[in-house]
């Protein structure tokens, strides 16, 4: 995905940001809604995160391995 490194870097960074926002949103609602609402939301976010990783980040990182470190740094 994305042969141009500059474009790949831009999209990769955006996907990392979105991934962090979504992951943090799950923690942010815990205890503020019913358990059922929390489970439904957590599953929906988990599905979205899976798609972001499998269909977005992984193909970009396979084509541009230098971006893998950016992914690791964003996770810490």
Protein backbone atom coordinates (compact mmCIF):
# COMPACT_ATOMS: atom_id res chain seq x y z
CA UNK A 1 0.00 0.00 0.00
CA UNK A 2 1.30 3.43 -0.99
CA UNK A 3 4.51 3.16 -2.96
CA UNK A 4 5.55 6.73 -2.13
CA UNK A 5 7.28 6.81 1.27
CA UNK A 6 6.11 10.34 2.09
CA UNK A 7 2.47 9.43 1.56
CA UNK A 8 2.89 6.13 3.39
CA UNK A 9 4.50 7.96 6.35
CA UNK A 10 1.64 10.48 6.45
CA UNK A 11 -1.13 7.87 6.35
CA UNK A 12 0.75 5.58 8.75
CA UNK A 13 1.04 8.39 11.27
CA UNK A 14 -2.65 9.22 10.95
CA UNK A 15 -3.61 5.59 11.47
CA UNK A 16 -1.44 5.45 14.60
CA UNK A 17 -3.18 8.56 15.93
CA UNK A 18 -6.63 7.14 15.23
CA UNK A 19 -5.65 3.84 16.83
CA UNK A 20 -4.56 5.64 20.00
CA UNK A 21 -7.71 7.79 20.14
CA UNK A 22 -9.96 4.77 19.76
CA UNK A 23 -8.05 2.70 22.32
CA UNK A 24 -8.13 5.57 24.82
CA UNK A 25 -11.84 6.09 24.25
CA UNK A 26 -12.57 2.61 25.58
CA UNK A 27 -10.73 3.34 28.82
CA UNK A 28 -12.44 6.73 29.01
CA UNK A 29 -15.97 5.33 29.11
CA UNK A 30 -15.35 2.48 31.55
CA UNK A 31 -17.52 3.00 34.61
CA UNK A 32 -19.47 5.80 32.93
CA UNK A 33 -22.01 3.59 31.17
CA UNK A 34 -23.68 0.25 31.70
CA UNK A 35 -21.64 -2.94 31.42
CA UNK A 36 -23.63 -3.92 28.33
CA UNK A 37 -22.94 -0.56 26.65
CA UNK A 38 -19.28 -0.86 27.56
CA UNK A 39 -18.99 -4.37 26.08
CA UNK A 40 -20.73 -3.36 22.84
CA UNK A 41 -18.53 -0.28 22.46
CA UNK A 42 -15.35 -2.17 23.34
CA UNK A 43 -16.13 -4.82 20.72
CA UNK A 44 -16.90 -2.21 18.08
CA UNK A 45 -13.64 -0.40 18.79
CA UNK A 46 -11.75 -3.70 18.85
CA UNK A 47 -13.14 -4.59 15.43
CA UNK A 48 -12.15 -1.18 14.09
CA UNK A 49 -8.66 -1.46 15.57
CA UNK A 50 -8.24 -4.87 13.99
CA UNK A 51 -9.14 -3.45 10.61
CA UNK A 52 -6.77 -0.51 11.05
CA UNK A 53 -3.90 -2.85 11.88
CA UNK A 54 -4.57 -5.66 9.40
CA UNK A 55 -5.71 -3.61 6.42
CA UNK A 56 -3.86 -0.37 7.06
CA UNK A 57 -0.73 -0.47 9.18
CA UNK A 58 0.51 -3.94 8.24
CA UNK A 59 0.47 -3.43 4.45
CA UNK A 60 2.18 -0.05 4.81
CA UNK A 61 4.84 -1.48 7.14
CA UNK A 62 5.44 -4.45 4.85
CA UNK A 63 6.19 -2.08 1.98
CA UNK A 64 8.08 0.43 4.15
CA UNK A 65 9.74 -1.42 7.07
CA UNK A 66 11.36 1.80 8.28
CA UNK A 67 7.94 2.87 9.57
CA UNK A 68 7.73 -0.08 11.97
CA UNK A 69 9.83 1.78 14.57
CA UNK A 70 7.37 4.68 14.39
CA UNK A 71 4.62 2.20 15.26
CA UNK A 72 6.62 0.84 18.22
CA UNK A 73 7.43 4.34 19.47
CA UNK A 74 3.76 5.37 19.29
CA UNK A 75 2.74 2.36 21.38
CA UNK A 76 4.97 3.27 24.31
